[in-house]
N, C-alpha and C. Protein backbone atom coordinates (compact mmCIF):
# COMPACT_ATOMS: atom_id res chain seq x y z
N MET A 1 6.34 13.63 28.06
CA MET A 1 6.02 12.73 26.96
C MET A 1 5.91 11.30 27.45
N HIS A 2 5.17 10.50 26.72
CA HIS A 2 5.02 9.07 27.01
C HIS A 2 6.03 8.33 26.14
N ILE A 3 7.04 7.72 26.79
CA ILE A 3 8.17 7.13 26.07
C ILE A 3 8.28 5.64 26.40
N LEU A 4 8.56 4.85 25.37
CA LEU A 4 8.82 3.43 25.55
C LEU A 4 10.30 3.17 25.32
N VAL A 5 10.91 2.44 26.25
CA VAL A 5 12.32 2.04 26.12
C VAL A 5 12.36 0.52 25.99
N VAL A 6 12.87 0.03 24.87
CA VAL A 6 13.01 -1.41 24.65
C VAL A 6 14.51 -1.69 24.56
N GLU A 7 15.05 -2.27 25.61
CA GLU A 7 16.50 -2.49 25.73
C GLU A 7 16.76 -3.69 26.63
N ASP A 8 17.56 -4.65 26.14
CA ASP A 8 17.78 -5.87 26.92
C ASP A 8 18.89 -5.71 27.95
N ASP A 9 19.81 -4.78 27.76
CA ASP A 9 20.89 -4.55 28.71
C ASP A 9 20.33 -3.81 29.92
N ALA A 10 20.27 -4.48 31.06
CA ALA A 10 19.64 -3.90 32.25
C ALA A 10 20.31 -2.60 32.68
N THR A 11 21.66 -2.56 32.58
CA THR A 11 22.38 -1.36 33.02
C THR A 11 22.00 -0.16 32.15
N VAL A 12 21.99 -0.36 30.85
CA VAL A 12 21.64 0.72 29.93
C VAL A 12 20.18 1.12 30.11
N ARG A 13 19.30 0.10 30.19
CA ARG A 13 17.87 0.38 30.32
C ARG A 13 17.56 1.16 31.58
N ASN A 14 18.10 0.72 32.70
CA ASN A 14 17.84 1.41 33.98
C ASN A 14 18.38 2.84 33.96
N PHE A 15 19.55 3.01 33.34
CA PHE A 15 20.17 4.33 33.23
C PHE A 15 19.27 5.27 32.42
N VAL A 16 18.77 4.80 31.29
CA VAL A 16 17.92 5.62 30.43
C VAL A 16 16.57 5.90 31.08
N VAL A 17 15.94 4.87 31.62
CA VAL A 17 14.61 5.03 32.23
C VAL A 17 14.68 5.99 33.41
N LYS A 18 15.68 5.82 34.26
CA LYS A 18 15.83 6.69 35.43
C LYS A 18 16.02 8.15 34.99
N GLY A 19 16.88 8.37 34.00
CA GLY A 19 17.14 9.73 33.55
C GLY A 19 15.92 10.38 32.93
N LEU A 20 15.17 9.62 32.13
CA LEU A 20 13.98 10.18 31.49
C LEU A 20 12.90 10.51 32.51
N ARG A 21 12.75 9.65 33.51
CA ARG A 21 11.75 9.93 34.55
C ARG A 21 12.14 11.16 35.35
N GLU A 22 13.41 11.35 35.59
CA GLU A 22 13.86 12.54 36.29
C GLU A 22 13.60 13.81 35.49
N GLU A 23 13.53 13.64 34.16
CA GLU A 23 13.22 14.78 33.29
C GLU A 23 11.72 15.04 33.20
N GLY A 24 10.93 14.21 33.88
CA GLY A 24 9.49 14.42 33.91
C GLY A 24 8.69 13.60 32.91
N HIS A 25 9.33 12.67 32.20
CA HIS A 25 8.63 11.86 31.21
C HIS A 25 7.98 10.64 31.86
N VAL A 26 6.91 10.17 31.24
CA VAL A 26 6.28 8.91 31.65
C VAL A 26 6.91 7.82 30.80
N VAL A 27 7.53 6.84 31.46
CA VAL A 27 8.33 5.86 30.74
C VAL A 27 7.85 4.44 31.02
N GLU A 28 7.71 3.66 29.95
CA GLU A 28 7.47 2.23 30.07
C GLU A 28 8.65 1.51 29.46
N GLN A 29 8.85 0.25 29.84
CA GLN A 29 10.06 -0.45 29.40
C GLN A 29 9.79 -1.92 29.10
N ALA A 30 10.65 -2.47 28.26
CA ALA A 30 10.62 -3.90 27.94
C ALA A 30 12.06 -4.35 27.73
N ASP A 31 12.34 -5.61 28.10
CA ASP A 31 13.72 -6.10 27.99
C ASP A 31 13.88 -7.17 26.91
N ASN A 32 12.85 -7.35 26.07
CA ASN A 32 12.95 -8.32 24.98
C ASN A 32 12.05 -7.90 23.83
N GLY A 33 12.30 -8.51 22.67
CA GLY A 33 11.56 -8.13 21.48
C GLY A 33 10.08 -8.42 21.53
N LYS A 34 9.71 -9.55 22.12
CA LYS A 34 8.30 -9.95 22.17
C LYS A 34 7.48 -8.94 22.96
N ASP A 35 7.96 -8.59 24.16
CA ASP A 35 7.23 -7.61 24.98
C ASP A 35 7.26 -6.22 24.35
N GLY A 36 8.39 -5.90 23.73
CA GLY A 36 8.50 -4.60 23.07
C GLY A 36 7.50 -4.47 21.94
N LEU A 37 7.37 -5.51 21.13
CA LEU A 37 6.43 -5.49 20.02
C LEU A 37 5.00 -5.38 20.54
N PHE A 38 4.69 -6.10 21.59
CA PHE A 38 3.34 -6.04 22.16
C PHE A 38 3.00 -4.63 22.60
N LEU A 39 3.93 -3.96 23.26
CA LEU A 39 3.67 -2.59 23.74
C LEU A 39 3.51 -1.62 22.58
N THR A 40 4.28 -1.78 21.53
CA THR A 40 4.20 -0.84 20.41
C THR A 40 2.86 -0.92 19.69
N VAL A 41 2.25 -2.10 19.67
CA VAL A 41 0.97 -2.24 18.96
C VAL A 41 -0.23 -2.06 19.87
N SER A 42 -0.01 -2.08 21.18
CA SER A 42 -1.16 -2.00 22.10
C SER A 42 -1.28 -0.66 22.79
N GLU A 43 -0.24 0.17 22.76
CA GLU A 43 -0.28 1.47 23.41
C GLU A 43 0.24 2.56 22.49
N LYS A 44 -0.10 3.79 22.82
CA LYS A 44 0.35 4.93 22.02
C LYS A 44 1.48 5.66 22.76
N PHE A 45 2.58 5.88 22.07
CA PHE A 45 3.73 6.56 22.65
C PHE A 45 4.10 7.77 21.81
N ASP A 46 4.75 8.73 22.45
CA ASP A 46 5.25 9.90 21.74
C ASP A 46 6.60 9.62 21.09
N ILE A 47 7.42 8.83 21.76
CA ILE A 47 8.75 8.45 21.28
C ILE A 47 9.01 7.01 21.70
N ILE A 48 9.70 6.26 20.83
CA ILE A 48 10.14 4.91 21.19
C ILE A 48 11.65 4.84 21.05
N ILE A 49 12.31 4.41 22.13
CA ILE A 49 13.76 4.19 22.11
C ILE A 49 13.95 2.68 21.99
N LEU A 50 14.56 2.24 20.90
CA LEU A 50 14.53 0.82 20.54
C LEU A 50 15.93 0.29 20.29
N ASP A 51 16.31 -0.69 21.10
CA ASP A 51 17.59 -1.36 20.88
C ASP A 51 17.48 -2.23 19.63
N ARG A 52 18.53 -2.22 18.85
CA ARG A 52 18.48 -2.98 17.60
C ARG A 52 18.59 -4.48 17.83
N MET A 53 19.45 -4.88 18.74
CA MET A 53 19.67 -6.31 18.98
C MET A 53 18.96 -6.72 20.27
N LEU A 54 17.95 -7.59 20.13
CA LEU A 54 17.13 -8.00 21.27
C LEU A 54 16.99 -9.51 21.31
N PRO A 55 16.83 -10.07 22.51
CA PRO A 55 16.61 -11.52 22.62
C PRO A 55 15.14 -11.88 22.38
N GLY A 56 14.88 -13.15 22.20
CA GLY A 56 13.50 -13.61 22.08
C GLY A 56 13.05 -13.84 20.66
N GLY A 57 13.98 -13.78 19.69
CA GLY A 57 13.61 -14.06 18.31
C GLY A 57 13.03 -12.89 17.55
N ILE A 58 12.81 -11.74 18.22
CA ILE A 58 12.28 -10.54 17.55
C ILE A 58 13.25 -9.40 17.85
N ASP A 59 13.98 -8.96 16.83
CA ASP A 59 14.95 -7.89 17.06
C ASP A 59 14.31 -6.52 16.80
N GLY A 60 15.10 -5.48 17.01
CA GLY A 60 14.57 -4.13 16.87
C GLY A 60 14.09 -3.80 15.47
N LEU A 61 14.82 -4.28 14.45
CA LEU A 61 14.41 -4.01 13.08
C LEU A 61 13.07 -4.65 12.75
N ARG A 62 12.83 -5.84 13.28
CA ARG A 62 11.55 -6.50 13.02
C ARG A 62 10.41 -5.73 13.68
N ILE A 63 10.65 -5.25 14.90
CA ILE A 63 9.64 -4.42 15.57
C ILE A 63 9.35 -3.18 14.74
N LEU A 64 10.41 -2.56 14.27
CA LEU A 64 10.28 -1.33 13.49
C LEU A 64 9.52 -1.58 12.19
N GLU A 65 9.87 -2.63 11.49
CA GLU A 65 9.20 -2.94 10.23
C GLU A 65 7.73 -3.28 10.45
N THR A 66 7.43 -3.95 11.57
CA THR A 66 6.03 -4.26 11.89
C THR A 66 5.25 -2.99 12.16
N MET A 67 5.84 -2.07 12.91
CA MET A 67 5.19 -0.80 13.19
C MET A 67 4.87 -0.03 11.92
N ARG A 68 5.88 0.12 11.07
CA ARG A 68 5.67 0.90 9.85
C ARG A 68 4.69 0.20 8.92
N GLY A 69 4.68 -1.12 8.94
CA GLY A 69 3.72 -1.86 8.13
C GLY A 69 2.30 -1.65 8.59
N GLN A 70 2.11 -1.27 9.86
CA GLN A 70 0.79 -0.98 10.40
C GLN A 70 0.50 0.52 10.41
N ASN A 71 1.30 1.27 9.67
CA ASN A 71 1.16 2.73 9.57
C ASN A 71 1.31 3.43 10.91
N ASN A 72 2.12 2.85 11.79
CA ASN A 72 2.44 3.48 13.07
C ASN A 72 3.64 4.40 12.83
N ALA A 73 3.39 5.71 12.88
CA ALA A 73 4.43 6.69 12.55
C ALA A 73 5.14 7.26 13.77
N THR A 74 5.00 6.61 14.94
CA THR A 74 5.67 7.08 16.15
C THR A 74 7.17 7.21 15.90
N PRO A 75 7.79 8.35 16.23
CA PRO A 75 9.23 8.51 16.04
C PRO A 75 10.02 7.45 16.82
N VAL A 76 11.01 6.84 16.17
CA VAL A 76 11.80 5.79 16.78
C VAL A 76 13.28 6.17 16.75
N LEU A 77 13.90 6.14 17.92
CA LEU A 77 15.34 6.32 18.05
C LEU A 77 15.97 4.96 18.28
N LEU A 78 16.79 4.51 17.34
CA LEU A 78 17.44 3.21 17.45
C LEU A 78 18.72 3.34 18.26
N LEU A 79 18.91 2.39 19.18
CA LEU A 79 20.16 2.28 19.92
C LEU A 79 20.88 1.02 19.45
N SER A 80 22.20 1.11 19.30
CA SER A 80 22.92 -0.08 18.86
C SER A 80 24.41 0.07 19.11
N ALA A 81 25.05 -1.09 19.35
CA ALA A 81 26.50 -1.13 19.44
C ALA A 81 27.10 -1.23 18.05
N LEU A 82 26.27 -1.45 17.04
CA LEU A 82 26.73 -1.55 15.66
C LEU A 82 26.89 -0.15 15.09
N ALA A 83 28.15 0.23 14.85
CA ALA A 83 28.42 1.62 14.49
C ALA A 83 28.77 1.81 13.02
N ASP A 84 28.85 0.73 12.24
CA ASP A 84 29.22 0.86 10.84
C ASP A 84 28.15 1.64 10.07
N VAL A 85 28.58 2.31 9.03
CA VAL A 85 27.66 3.10 8.22
C VAL A 85 26.55 2.21 7.66
N ASP A 86 26.88 1.02 7.18
CA ASP A 86 25.88 0.12 6.61
C ASP A 86 24.81 -0.25 7.63
N ASP A 87 25.24 -0.45 8.89
CA ASP A 87 24.28 -0.79 9.94
C ASP A 87 23.34 0.38 10.21
N ARG A 88 23.87 1.58 10.22
CA ARG A 88 23.04 2.75 10.46
C ARG A 88 22.06 2.96 9.30
N VAL A 89 22.55 2.79 8.09
CA VAL A 89 21.70 2.95 6.92
C VAL A 89 20.58 1.92 6.93
N GLN A 90 20.91 0.68 7.31
CA GLN A 90 19.89 -0.37 7.37
C GLN A 90 18.81 -0.03 8.37
N GLY A 91 19.20 0.50 9.52
CA GLY A 91 18.23 0.89 10.54
C GLY A 91 17.33 2.02 10.09
N LEU A 92 17.91 3.00 9.41
CA LEU A 92 17.11 4.13 8.93
C LEU A 92 16.19 3.71 7.79
N LYS A 93 16.66 2.83 6.93
CA LYS A 93 15.82 2.35 5.83
C LYS A 93 14.66 1.51 6.34
N ALA A 94 14.84 0.85 7.48
CA ALA A 94 13.77 0.03 8.04
C ALA A 94 12.67 0.90 8.64
N GLY A 95 12.92 2.20 8.76
CA GLY A 95 11.89 3.10 9.30
C GLY A 95 12.32 3.86 10.52
N GLY A 96 13.57 3.72 10.94
CA GLY A 96 14.05 4.47 12.09
C GLY A 96 14.18 5.95 11.77
N ASP A 97 13.94 6.79 12.77
CA ASP A 97 14.02 8.24 12.57
C ASP A 97 15.39 8.79 12.98
N ASP A 98 16.09 8.08 13.84
CA ASP A 98 17.43 8.50 14.26
C ASP A 98 18.16 7.26 14.77
N TYR A 99 19.49 7.37 14.89
CA TYR A 99 20.31 6.21 15.24
C TYR A 99 21.41 6.69 16.17
N LEU A 100 21.49 6.08 17.34
CA LEU A 100 22.49 6.48 18.33
C LEU A 100 23.30 5.24 18.73
N THR A 101 24.62 5.33 18.59
CA THR A 101 25.47 4.18 18.90
C THR A 101 25.92 4.20 20.36
N LYS A 102 26.07 3.01 20.91
CA LYS A 102 26.54 2.85 22.28
C LYS A 102 28.07 2.82 22.27
N PRO A 103 28.70 3.33 23.36
CA PRO A 103 28.10 4.05 24.49
C PRO A 103 27.74 5.48 24.08
N PHE A 104 26.82 6.09 24.81
CA PHE A 104 26.38 7.43 24.47
C PHE A 104 26.22 8.25 25.76
N ALA A 105 26.25 9.56 25.60
CA ALA A 105 26.02 10.46 26.72
C ALA A 105 24.51 10.70 26.85
N PHE A 106 24.02 10.75 28.08
CA PHE A 106 22.57 10.95 28.28
C PHE A 106 22.13 12.30 27.71
N SER A 107 23.00 13.29 27.77
CA SER A 107 22.65 14.62 27.23
C SER A 107 22.40 14.54 25.73
N GLU A 108 23.16 13.69 25.03
CA GLU A 108 22.94 13.55 23.59
C GLU A 108 21.63 12.81 23.33
N LEU A 109 21.34 11.81 24.15
CA LEU A 109 20.06 11.09 24.02
C LEU A 109 18.90 12.07 24.18
N LEU A 110 18.96 12.92 25.20
CA LEU A 110 17.90 13.90 25.43
C LEU A 110 17.76 14.86 24.24
N ALA A 111 18.90 15.31 23.70
CA ALA A 111 18.87 16.23 22.58
C ALA A 111 18.21 15.59 21.36
N ARG A 112 18.50 14.32 21.14
CA ARG A 112 17.90 13.63 19.98
C ARG A 112 16.40 13.41 20.19
N ILE A 113 16.01 13.12 21.42
CA ILE A 113 14.59 12.95 21.73
C ILE A 113 13.85 14.26 21.50
N ASP A 114 14.43 15.37 21.96
CA ASP A 114 13.81 16.68 21.77
C ASP A 114 13.67 17.00 20.28
N ALA A 115 14.70 16.66 19.49
CA ALA A 115 14.65 16.93 18.05
C ALA A 115 13.54 16.13 17.39
N LEU A 116 13.39 14.86 17.78
CA LEU A 116 12.32 14.03 17.21
C LEU A 116 10.94 14.56 17.61
N ALA A 117 10.82 15.03 18.84
CA ALA A 117 9.55 15.58 19.30
C ALA A 117 9.19 16.84 18.53
N ARG A 118 10.17 17.71 18.27
CA ARG A 118 9.92 18.93 17.51
C ARG A 118 9.52 18.59 16.08
N ARG A 119 10.18 17.60 15.50
CA ARG A 119 9.85 17.19 14.13
C ARG A 119 8.43 16.67 14.07
N GLY A 120 8.05 15.89 15.07
CA GLY A 120 6.70 15.34 15.10
C GLY A 120 5.65 16.43 15.22
N ARG A 121 5.93 17.44 16.05
CA ARG A 121 4.98 18.55 16.20
C ARG A 121 4.84 19.33 14.90
N ALA A 122 5.97 19.51 14.20
CA ALA A 122 5.93 20.24 12.93
C ALA A 122 5.12 19.48 11.89
N GLU A 123 5.30 18.15 11.84
CA GLU A 123 4.58 17.35 10.85
C GLU A 123 3.09 17.29 11.13
N ASN A 124 2.74 17.44 12.41
CA ASN A 124 1.33 17.37 12.79
C ASN A 124 0.67 18.74 12.92
N ALA A 125 1.42 19.77 12.55
CA ALA A 125 0.88 21.12 12.66
C ALA A 125 -0.31 21.29 11.72
N PRO A 126 -1.28 22.10 12.12
CA PRO A 126 -2.45 22.30 11.27
C PRO A 126 -2.07 22.86 9.91
N GLN A 127 -2.79 22.42 8.88
CA GLN A 127 -2.56 22.92 7.53
C GLN A 127 -3.03 24.35 7.43
N THR A 128 -2.20 25.23 6.87
CA THR A 128 -2.54 26.65 6.79
C THR A 128 -2.66 27.13 5.35
N ARG A 129 -2.39 26.26 4.38
CA ARG A 129 -2.42 26.67 2.98
C ARG A 129 -2.94 25.54 2.13
N LEU A 130 -3.89 25.86 1.25
CA LEU A 130 -4.43 24.88 0.32
C LEU A 130 -4.09 25.31 -1.10
N VAL A 131 -3.69 24.35 -1.93
CA VAL A 131 -3.33 24.64 -3.31
C VAL A 131 -3.95 23.58 -4.21
N VAL A 132 -4.71 24.02 -5.21
CA VAL A 132 -5.26 23.12 -6.24
C VAL A 132 -5.00 23.80 -7.58
N GLY A 133 -4.10 23.24 -8.36
CA GLY A 133 -3.73 23.87 -9.62
C GLY A 133 -3.16 25.26 -9.36
N ASP A 134 -3.72 26.28 -10.05
CA ASP A 134 -3.23 27.65 -9.83
C ASP A 134 -4.08 28.41 -8.82
N LEU A 135 -4.93 27.67 -8.11
CA LEU A 135 -5.79 28.27 -7.08
C LEU A 135 -5.15 28.06 -5.72
N GLU A 136 -4.96 29.16 -4.96
CA GLU A 136 -4.30 29.11 -3.66
C GLU A 136 -5.18 29.75 -2.61
N MET A 137 -5.19 29.15 -1.41
CA MET A 137 -5.95 29.70 -0.28
C MET A 137 -5.07 29.69 0.96
N ASP A 138 -4.91 30.85 1.58
CA ASP A 138 -4.19 30.99 2.84
C ASP A 138 -5.23 31.01 3.95
N LEU A 139 -5.23 29.99 4.79
CA LEU A 139 -6.25 29.86 5.82
C LEU A 139 -6.05 30.83 6.99
N LEU A 140 -4.84 31.36 7.13
CA LEU A 140 -4.58 32.30 8.22
C LEU A 140 -4.97 33.72 7.83
N SER A 141 -4.50 34.16 6.67
CA SER A 141 -4.83 35.52 6.22
C SER A 141 -6.16 35.57 5.49
N ARG A 142 -6.70 34.38 5.16
CA ARG A 142 -7.96 34.23 4.43
C ARG A 142 -7.87 34.88 3.05
N ALA A 143 -6.69 34.82 2.47
CA ALA A 143 -6.47 35.35 1.13
C ALA A 143 -6.61 34.22 0.11
N VAL A 144 -7.26 34.54 -1.01
CA VAL A 144 -7.45 33.58 -2.09
C VAL A 144 -6.92 34.20 -3.38
N ARG A 145 -6.13 33.41 -4.12
CA ARG A 145 -5.60 33.87 -5.39
C ARG A 145 -5.70 32.76 -6.43
N ARG A 146 -5.94 33.17 -7.66
CA ARG A 146 -5.87 32.22 -8.76
C ARG A 146 -4.98 32.83 -9.83
N GLY A 147 -3.94 32.08 -10.20
CA GLY A 147 -2.98 32.61 -11.17
C GLY A 147 -2.33 33.88 -10.68
N GLY A 148 -2.21 34.01 -9.36
CA GLY A 148 -1.61 35.20 -8.77
C GLY A 148 -2.57 36.37 -8.61
N GLN A 149 -3.79 36.23 -9.13
CA GLN A 149 -4.78 37.31 -9.03
C GLN A 149 -5.65 37.14 -7.80
N LYS A 150 -5.76 38.17 -7.00
CA LYS A 150 -6.52 38.11 -5.76
C LYS A 150 -8.01 37.98 -6.03
N ILE A 151 -8.67 37.13 -5.24
CA ILE A 151 -10.12 36.93 -5.34
C ILE A 151 -10.75 37.27 -4.00
N ASP A 152 -11.68 38.22 -4.00
CA ASP A 152 -12.35 38.62 -2.77
C ASP A 152 -13.61 37.76 -2.58
N LEU A 153 -13.70 37.11 -1.44
CA LEU A 153 -14.83 36.23 -1.14
C LEU A 153 -15.53 36.64 0.14
N GLN A 154 -16.84 36.44 0.17
CA GLN A 154 -17.60 36.60 1.39
C GLN A 154 -17.33 35.39 2.30
N PRO A 155 -17.56 35.52 3.61
CA PRO A 155 -17.24 34.41 4.54
C PRO A 155 -17.82 33.06 4.12
N ARG A 156 -19.09 33.04 3.68
CA ARG A 156 -19.68 31.75 3.31
C ARG A 156 -19.07 31.22 2.02
N GLU A 157 -18.73 32.12 1.11
CA GLU A 157 -18.07 31.70 -0.13
C GLU A 157 -16.70 31.12 0.18
N PHE A 158 -16.03 31.73 1.14
CA PHE A 158 -14.71 31.23 1.54
C PHE A 158 -14.83 29.81 2.10
N ARG A 159 -15.80 29.58 2.98
CA ARG A 159 -15.99 28.25 3.56
C ARG A 159 -16.35 27.23 2.50
N LEU A 160 -17.17 27.64 1.54
CA LEU A 160 -17.56 26.74 0.46
C LEU A 160 -16.35 26.36 -0.38
N LEU A 161 -15.55 27.34 -0.74
CA LEU A 161 -14.36 27.05 -1.54
C LEU A 161 -13.36 26.21 -0.76
N GLU A 162 -13.19 26.52 0.52
CA GLU A 162 -12.29 25.72 1.35
C GLU A 162 -12.72 24.26 1.36
N PHE A 163 -14.01 24.02 1.51
CA PHE A 163 -14.52 22.64 1.54
C PHE A 163 -14.25 21.96 0.20
N LEU A 164 -14.50 22.65 -0.89
CA LEU A 164 -14.25 22.07 -2.20
C LEU A 164 -12.77 21.78 -2.42
N MET A 165 -11.91 22.68 -1.95
CA MET A 165 -10.47 22.48 -2.13
C MET A 165 -9.95 21.32 -1.28
N ARG A 166 -10.50 21.17 -0.09
CA ARG A 166 -10.08 20.05 0.76
C ARG A 166 -10.53 18.71 0.17
N HIS A 167 -11.52 18.75 -0.71
CA HIS A 167 -12.01 17.53 -1.35
C HIS A 167 -11.78 17.61 -2.86
N ALA A 168 -10.68 18.23 -3.25
CA ALA A 168 -10.38 18.42 -4.67
C ALA A 168 -10.37 17.09 -5.42
N SER A 169 -10.92 17.12 -6.63
CA SER A 169 -11.01 15.95 -7.50
C SER A 169 -11.91 14.86 -6.94
N GLN A 170 -12.74 15.19 -5.97
CA GLN A 170 -13.72 14.26 -5.42
C GLN A 170 -15.13 14.84 -5.63
N VAL A 171 -16.09 13.95 -5.80
CA VAL A 171 -17.47 14.40 -5.90
C VAL A 171 -17.95 14.82 -4.51
N VAL A 172 -18.44 16.05 -4.40
CA VAL A 172 -18.95 16.58 -3.14
C VAL A 172 -20.47 16.68 -3.27
N THR A 173 -21.19 15.94 -2.46
CA THR A 173 -22.65 15.92 -2.56
C THR A 173 -23.26 17.12 -1.86
N ARG A 174 -24.54 17.35 -2.14
CA ARG A 174 -25.26 18.44 -1.48
C ARG A 174 -25.31 18.21 0.03
N THR A 175 -25.49 16.96 0.44
CA THR A 175 -25.52 16.65 1.87
C THR A 175 -24.20 17.00 2.53
N MET A 176 -23.09 16.68 1.87
CA MET A 176 -21.78 17.02 2.41
C MET A 176 -21.62 18.52 2.57
N LEU A 177 -22.10 19.27 1.59
CA LEU A 177 -21.99 20.73 1.66
C LEU A 177 -22.89 21.31 2.75
N LEU A 178 -24.10 20.80 2.86
CA LEU A 178 -25.00 21.29 3.90
C LEU A 178 -24.41 21.08 5.28
N GLU A 179 -23.81 19.92 5.50
CA GLU A 179 -23.24 19.61 6.82
C GLU A 179 -21.90 20.32 7.04
N GLY A 180 -21.06 20.33 6.00
CA GLY A 180 -19.70 20.86 6.17
C GLY A 180 -19.58 22.35 6.07
N VAL A 181 -20.49 23.01 5.34
CA VAL A 181 -20.39 24.45 5.12
C VAL A 181 -21.47 25.22 5.88
N TRP A 182 -22.67 24.65 5.92
CA TRP A 182 -23.80 25.36 6.57
C TRP A 182 -24.15 24.78 7.94
N ASP A 183 -23.53 23.69 8.32
CA ASP A 183 -23.81 23.04 9.60
C ASP A 183 -25.26 22.59 9.71
N TYR A 184 -25.88 22.28 8.57
CA TYR A 184 -27.24 21.74 8.55
C TYR A 184 -27.16 20.21 8.55
N HIS A 185 -27.96 19.59 9.37
CA HIS A 185 -28.03 18.13 9.37
C HIS A 185 -29.40 17.69 8.86
N PHE A 186 -29.97 18.55 8.01
CA PHE A 186 -31.23 18.27 7.34
C PHE A 186 -31.24 19.09 6.05
N ASP A 187 -32.09 18.73 5.13
CA ASP A 187 -32.19 19.47 3.88
C ASP A 187 -33.23 20.58 4.04
N PRO A 188 -32.83 21.85 3.98
CA PRO A 188 -33.77 22.96 4.18
C PRO A 188 -34.70 23.17 2.98
N GLN A 189 -34.51 22.36 1.93
CA GLN A 189 -35.37 22.46 0.74
C GLN A 189 -35.31 23.85 0.12
N THR A 190 -34.12 24.41 0.05
CA THR A 190 -33.91 25.69 -0.61
C THR A 190 -32.79 25.52 -1.64
N ASN A 191 -32.59 26.57 -2.44
CA ASN A 191 -31.52 26.53 -3.44
C ASN A 191 -30.27 27.26 -2.95
N VAL A 192 -30.07 27.30 -1.64
CA VAL A 192 -28.96 28.04 -1.05
C VAL A 192 -27.62 27.57 -1.61
N ILE A 193 -27.46 26.26 -1.83
CA ILE A 193 -26.19 25.75 -2.35
C ILE A 193 -25.98 26.23 -3.77
N ASP A 194 -27.01 26.10 -4.62
CA ASP A 194 -26.89 26.52 -6.01
C ASP A 194 -26.53 28.00 -6.12
N VAL A 195 -27.16 28.81 -5.29
CA VAL A 195 -26.90 30.25 -5.33
C VAL A 195 -25.44 30.54 -4.99
N HIS A 196 -24.93 29.93 -3.94
CA HIS A 196 -23.55 30.20 -3.52
C HIS A 196 -22.53 29.62 -4.49
N VAL A 197 -22.82 28.45 -5.04
CA VAL A 197 -21.91 27.88 -6.04
C VAL A 197 -21.86 28.79 -7.26
N SER A 198 -23.01 29.32 -7.66
CA SER A 198 -23.05 30.23 -8.81
C SER A 198 -22.22 31.49 -8.55
N ARG A 199 -22.37 32.05 -7.35
CA ARG A 199 -21.58 33.24 -7.00
C ARG A 199 -20.08 32.92 -6.98
N LEU A 200 -19.75 31.76 -6.46
CA LEU A 200 -18.34 31.36 -6.39
C LEU A 200 -17.76 31.19 -7.79
N ARG A 201 -18.54 30.62 -8.69
CA ARG A 201 -18.07 30.45 -10.06
C ARG A 201 -17.80 31.80 -10.73
N GLN A 202 -18.62 32.78 -10.43
CA GLN A 202 -18.43 34.11 -11.01
C GLN A 202 -17.07 34.68 -10.63
N LYS A 203 -16.58 34.31 -9.45
CA LYS A 203 -15.32 34.87 -8.97
C LYS A 203 -14.12 33.97 -9.26
N VAL A 204 -14.30 32.65 -9.16
CA VAL A 204 -13.19 31.72 -9.29
C VAL A 204 -12.99 31.26 -10.73
N ASP A 205 -14.09 31.15 -11.49
CA ASP A 205 -14.00 30.59 -12.85
C ASP A 205 -14.17 31.61 -13.97
N LYS A 206 -15.14 32.48 -13.85
CA LYS A 206 -15.50 33.35 -14.98
C LYS A 206 -14.34 34.20 -15.50
N PRO A 207 -13.49 34.79 -14.62
CA PRO A 207 -12.41 35.62 -15.15
C PRO A 207 -11.27 34.84 -15.80
N PHE A 208 -11.34 33.51 -15.76
CA PHE A 208 -10.24 32.69 -16.24
C PHE A 208 -10.68 31.79 -17.39
N PRO A 209 -9.75 31.38 -18.24
CA PRO A 209 -10.13 30.62 -19.43
C PRO A 209 -10.62 29.20 -19.17
N VAL A 210 -10.23 28.62 -18.04
CA VAL A 210 -10.60 27.24 -17.75
C VAL A 210 -11.36 27.18 -16.43
N ALA A 211 -12.53 26.52 -16.44
CA ALA A 211 -13.33 26.37 -15.22
C ALA A 211 -12.76 25.28 -14.32
N MET A 212 -12.87 25.49 -13.00
CA MET A 212 -12.41 24.49 -12.04
C MET A 212 -13.56 23.87 -11.27
N ILE A 213 -14.67 24.58 -11.15
CA ILE A 213 -15.83 24.07 -10.40
C ILE A 213 -16.82 23.45 -11.39
N HIS A 214 -17.05 22.17 -11.24
CA HIS A 214 -17.88 21.43 -12.19
C HIS A 214 -19.10 20.82 -11.49
N THR A 215 -20.22 20.83 -12.19
CA THR A 215 -21.42 20.16 -11.70
C THR A 215 -21.40 18.71 -12.17
N ILE A 216 -21.57 17.80 -11.24
CA ILE A 216 -21.64 16.38 -11.55
C ILE A 216 -23.10 15.98 -11.49
N ARG A 217 -23.68 15.70 -12.63
CA ARG A 217 -25.12 15.50 -12.74
C ARG A 217 -25.62 14.43 -11.78
N ASN A 218 -26.68 14.76 -11.06
CA ASN A 218 -27.33 13.85 -10.10
C ASN A 218 -26.41 13.41 -8.96
N ALA A 219 -25.31 14.14 -8.76
CA ALA A 219 -24.36 13.75 -7.69
C ALA A 219 -23.97 14.94 -6.83
N GLY A 220 -23.50 16.02 -7.47
CA GLY A 220 -23.07 17.17 -6.68
C GLY A 220 -22.11 18.02 -7.47
N TYR A 221 -20.97 18.37 -6.85
CA TYR A 221 -19.99 19.25 -7.48
C TYR A 221 -18.59 18.67 -7.31
N MET A 222 -17.69 19.17 -8.16
CA MET A 222 -16.29 18.77 -8.04
C MET A 222 -15.41 19.93 -8.42
N LEU A 223 -14.40 20.20 -7.61
CA LEU A 223 -13.37 21.16 -7.95
C LEU A 223 -12.14 20.38 -8.35
N ARG A 224 -11.65 20.64 -9.54
CA ARG A 224 -10.45 19.92 -9.99
C ARG A 224 -9.52 20.86 -10.72
N PRO A 225 -8.22 20.52 -10.76
CA PRO A 225 -7.26 21.39 -11.44
C PRO A 225 -7.59 21.51 -12.91
N GLU A 226 -7.00 22.51 -13.53
CA GLU A 226 -7.26 22.74 -14.96
C GLU A 226 -6.84 21.51 -15.77
């Protein structure tokens, strides 16, 4: 993993950097808030280990708040000699993902880094299930149900419904459907979309009291909850 260590205590920083590199990680480091902030906004890291108290007028919490304000969701492990519950709560509320008080064992640091990495992988895992109202689609088993009732779809119908569900409550134009479902980057001047939407409505809407697939005049289509 690519890890950033921002720590002003040279002994602690060297200890952590050396240990992480021995574990096979690529590590960059900073010994003050200004350099730490610059690295967080200019490079991409898998994990950031951030000391809470830093010299230079920019402390760890300010770095953290700046990151989260820029929608930087990189997992952050805060290090601090401040062990009070209020201090830990403040760090977590500022956007920290974990909090480790000094002194600490390197084995515990590694365990916390591994936990943050696993959490990040889980959060970034591909979506396997789509739900819009009472309509459900399992992308792995390719099963579709509405109100618990199974709906059998042909492959193209499945792709069409998946596209509509991923853009639920949004107007989907014919051009979007041609490119996203048929992989056409031109208009074939056929009614292929209308035919497939009609077939899909027969299966997704007709057996149920409320329609979900709507035609938006002069614009396209929209799938929305009941």
